[in-house]
N, C-alpha and C. Protein backbone atom coordinates (compact mmCIF):
# COMPACT_ATOMS: atom_id res chain seq x y z
N MET A 1 0.84 -1.18 0.00
CA MET A 1 0.00 0.00 0.00
C MET A 1 0.89 1.25 0.00
N ILE A 2 0.50 2.23 -0.78
CA ILE A 2 1.26 3.48 -0.86
C ILE A 2 0.62 4.51 0.06
N ASN A 3 1.46 5.13 0.88
CA ASN A 3 0.96 6.20 1.74
C ASN A 3 1.99 7.32 1.79
N LEU A 4 1.65 8.44 2.39
CA LEU A 4 2.52 9.61 2.41
C LEU A 4 3.83 9.37 3.14
N GLN A 5 3.85 8.49 4.11
CA GLN A 5 5.07 8.22 4.87
C GLN A 5 6.18 7.64 3.99
N LEU A 6 5.83 6.98 2.91
CA LEU A 6 6.83 6.43 2.00
C LEU A 6 7.64 7.53 1.32
N PHE A 7 7.10 8.73 1.27
CA PHE A 7 7.77 9.84 0.60
C PHE A 7 8.54 10.75 1.56
N TYR A 8 8.58 10.37 2.81
CA TYR A 8 9.31 11.15 3.82
C TYR A 8 10.63 10.48 4.13
N GLN A 9 11.71 11.22 4.02
CA GLN A 9 13.04 10.69 4.30
C GLN A 9 13.59 11.36 5.57
N GLN A 10 13.70 10.64 6.65
CA GLN A 10 14.18 11.17 7.92
C GLN A 10 15.61 11.71 7.80
N ASP A 11 16.49 10.95 7.14
CA ASP A 11 17.89 11.33 7.04
C ASP A 11 18.14 12.47 6.06
N PHE A 12 17.31 12.57 5.04
CA PHE A 12 17.47 13.60 4.01
C PHE A 12 16.16 14.36 3.87
N GLN A 13 15.87 15.23 4.82
CA GLN A 13 14.60 15.93 4.80
C GLN A 13 14.45 16.83 3.58
N GLU A 14 15.58 17.28 3.02
CA GLU A 14 15.48 18.12 1.82
C GLU A 14 14.98 17.33 0.61
N LEU A 15 15.03 16.00 0.68
CA LEU A 15 14.50 15.17 -0.39
C LEU A 15 13.03 14.83 -0.20
N SER A 16 12.49 15.09 0.97
CA SER A 16 11.10 14.78 1.26
C SER A 16 10.19 15.78 0.55
N ILE A 17 9.02 15.30 0.15
CA ILE A 17 8.06 16.18 -0.51
C ILE A 17 6.72 16.08 0.21
N ASP A 18 5.96 17.16 0.13
CA ASP A 18 4.63 17.18 0.73
C ASP A 18 3.58 16.58 -0.19
N GLY A 19 3.82 16.66 -1.49
CA GLY A 19 2.84 16.16 -2.45
C GLY A 19 1.85 17.24 -2.81
N GLY A 20 0.95 16.90 -3.66
CA GLY A 20 -0.05 17.86 -4.11
C GLY A 20 -0.87 17.28 -5.25
N PHE A 21 -1.73 18.11 -5.80
CA PHE A 21 -2.62 17.67 -6.86
C PHE A 21 -2.33 18.47 -8.13
N ARG A 22 -2.54 17.85 -9.27
CA ARG A 22 -2.41 18.50 -10.57
C ARG A 22 -3.78 18.52 -11.24
N ASN A 23 -4.01 19.55 -12.03
CA ASN A 23 -5.24 19.61 -12.81
C ASN A 23 -5.22 18.52 -13.87
N ALA A 24 -6.38 17.93 -14.13
CA ALA A 24 -6.47 16.90 -15.16
C ALA A 24 -6.49 17.51 -16.55
N SER A 25 -6.90 18.76 -16.66
CA SER A 25 -6.91 19.44 -17.95
C SER A 25 -5.95 20.62 -17.90
N ILE A 26 -5.53 21.05 -19.08
CA ILE A 26 -4.61 22.18 -19.17
C ILE A 26 -5.33 23.35 -19.82
N ASN A 27 -5.35 24.47 -19.15
CA ASN A 27 -5.93 25.68 -19.70
C ASN A 27 -4.81 26.60 -20.15
N TYR A 28 -4.98 27.20 -21.30
CA TYR A 28 -3.96 28.12 -21.82
C TYR A 28 -4.57 29.50 -22.04
N LEU A 29 -3.72 30.50 -22.04
CA LEU A 29 -4.13 31.88 -22.27
C LEU A 29 -3.27 32.49 -23.36
N ASN A 30 -3.77 33.51 -23.99
CA ASN A 30 -3.01 34.31 -24.96
C ASN A 30 -2.33 33.47 -26.04
N PHE A 31 -3.08 32.56 -26.64
CA PHE A 31 -2.53 31.69 -27.68
C PHE A 31 -2.34 32.50 -28.96
N GLN A 32 -1.12 32.46 -29.52
CA GLN A 32 -0.80 33.20 -30.73
C GLN A 32 0.12 32.36 -31.61
N ILE A 33 -0.09 32.46 -32.93
CA ILE A 33 0.80 31.82 -33.90
C ILE A 33 1.25 32.90 -34.88
N HIS A 34 2.56 33.06 -35.04
CA HIS A 34 3.16 33.99 -35.99
C HIS A 34 4.22 33.23 -36.76
N GLU A 35 3.93 32.94 -38.04
CA GLU A 35 4.83 32.16 -38.91
C GLU A 35 5.24 30.87 -38.22
N ASN A 36 6.47 30.73 -37.79
CA ASN A 36 6.90 29.47 -37.15
C ASN A 36 7.06 29.61 -35.63
N LEU A 37 6.38 30.59 -35.03
CA LEU A 37 6.48 30.83 -33.59
C LEU A 37 5.10 30.65 -32.95
N ILE A 38 5.03 29.86 -31.90
CA ILE A 38 3.79 29.64 -31.14
C ILE A 38 4.01 30.20 -29.75
N LYS A 39 3.06 31.04 -29.30
CA LYS A 39 3.15 31.61 -27.95
C LYS A 39 1.86 31.30 -27.20
N PHE A 40 2.00 30.98 -25.92
CA PHE A 40 0.84 30.79 -25.06
C PHE A 40 1.31 30.81 -23.61
N GLN A 41 0.37 31.02 -22.71
CA GLN A 41 0.67 31.01 -21.28
C GLN A 41 -0.08 29.86 -20.63
N LEU A 42 0.57 29.23 -19.67
CA LEU A 42 -0.02 28.11 -18.96
C LEU A 42 -0.09 28.41 -17.48
N SER A 43 -1.00 27.75 -16.80
CA SER A 43 -1.07 27.89 -15.35
C SER A 43 0.08 27.11 -14.72
N ARG A 44 0.38 27.42 -13.51
CA ARG A 44 1.48 26.77 -12.79
C ARG A 44 1.25 25.26 -12.72
N GLY A 45 2.30 24.50 -12.96
CA GLY A 45 2.21 23.04 -12.90
C GLY A 45 1.83 22.39 -14.21
N SER A 46 1.58 23.18 -15.25
CA SER A 46 1.26 22.63 -16.56
C SER A 46 2.53 22.59 -17.41
N TYR A 47 2.56 21.68 -18.35
CA TYR A 47 3.75 21.50 -19.18
C TYR A 47 3.46 21.89 -20.63
N ALA A 48 4.32 22.75 -21.18
CA ALA A 48 4.16 23.20 -22.56
C ALA A 48 4.33 22.04 -23.54
N THR A 49 5.14 21.06 -23.20
CA THR A 49 5.35 19.94 -24.11
C THR A 49 4.06 19.17 -24.37
N ILE A 50 3.16 19.12 -23.41
CA ILE A 50 1.89 18.43 -23.59
C ILE A 50 1.02 19.20 -24.58
N VAL A 51 0.99 20.53 -24.46
CA VAL A 51 0.22 21.36 -25.39
C VAL A 51 0.80 21.23 -26.80
N LEU A 52 2.11 21.32 -26.92
CA LEU A 52 2.75 21.22 -28.23
C LEU A 52 2.52 19.85 -28.86
N ARG A 53 2.54 18.80 -28.06
CA ARG A 53 2.28 17.46 -28.59
C ARG A 53 0.88 17.38 -29.20
N GLU A 54 -0.09 18.00 -28.54
CA GLU A 54 -1.46 17.99 -29.06
C GLU A 54 -1.59 18.83 -30.33
N ILE A 55 -0.86 19.92 -30.41
CA ILE A 55 -0.89 20.76 -31.61
C ILE A 55 -0.28 20.02 -32.79
N LEU A 56 0.83 19.33 -32.57
CA LEU A 56 1.57 18.68 -33.64
C LEU A 56 1.10 17.26 -33.94
N LYS A 57 0.19 16.73 -33.14
CA LYS A 57 -0.27 15.35 -33.29
C LYS A 57 -0.96 15.16 -34.64
N PRO A 58 -0.60 14.11 -35.38
CA PRO A 58 -1.27 13.86 -36.66
C PRO A 58 -2.73 13.46 -36.45
N SER A 59 -3.54 13.57 -37.49
CA SER A 59 -4.96 13.27 -37.36
C SER A 59 -5.23 11.81 -36.99
N ASN A 60 -4.36 10.90 -37.46
CA ASN A 60 -4.49 9.50 -37.09
C ASN A 60 -3.12 9.00 -36.60
N PRO A 61 -2.85 9.12 -35.29
CA PRO A 61 -1.54 8.76 -34.75
C PRO A 61 -1.11 7.31 -35.01
N LEU A 62 -2.04 6.37 -35.03
CA LEU A 62 -1.70 4.96 -35.24
C LEU A 62 -1.13 4.72 -36.63
N ASP A 63 -1.65 5.43 -37.62
CA ASP A 63 -1.12 5.29 -38.98
C ASP A 63 0.30 5.84 -39.09
N CYS A 64 0.66 6.75 -38.20
CA CYS A 64 1.98 7.38 -38.24
C CYS A 64 2.99 6.69 -37.30
N GLY A 65 2.58 5.59 -36.67
CA GLY A 65 3.49 4.82 -35.85
C GLY A 65 3.53 5.21 -34.38
N PHE A 66 2.55 5.97 -33.91
CA PHE A 66 2.52 6.34 -32.50
C PHE A 66 1.79 5.31 -31.69
C-alpha cells in the first residue's frame, strides 16, 4: 500500500516532498501563432510539451506509428 510516509526521508529531509494535486486538464491563455512561432501562457504546474504534442499530433496517430 502506498501512503505519504513512504515519501518522507528522515535522514534527508530536503529530499522529502509534501505532495499535491495536478489539474487533469490544461488551460492556456493568450494563444498566438506567428509564422513558425507559437506563444501561449499556462497555469502553474502545466507542461508546454503536452500542449505542443497535441498541436503537432497527426490526425491518425496509429497510422503514423505512434
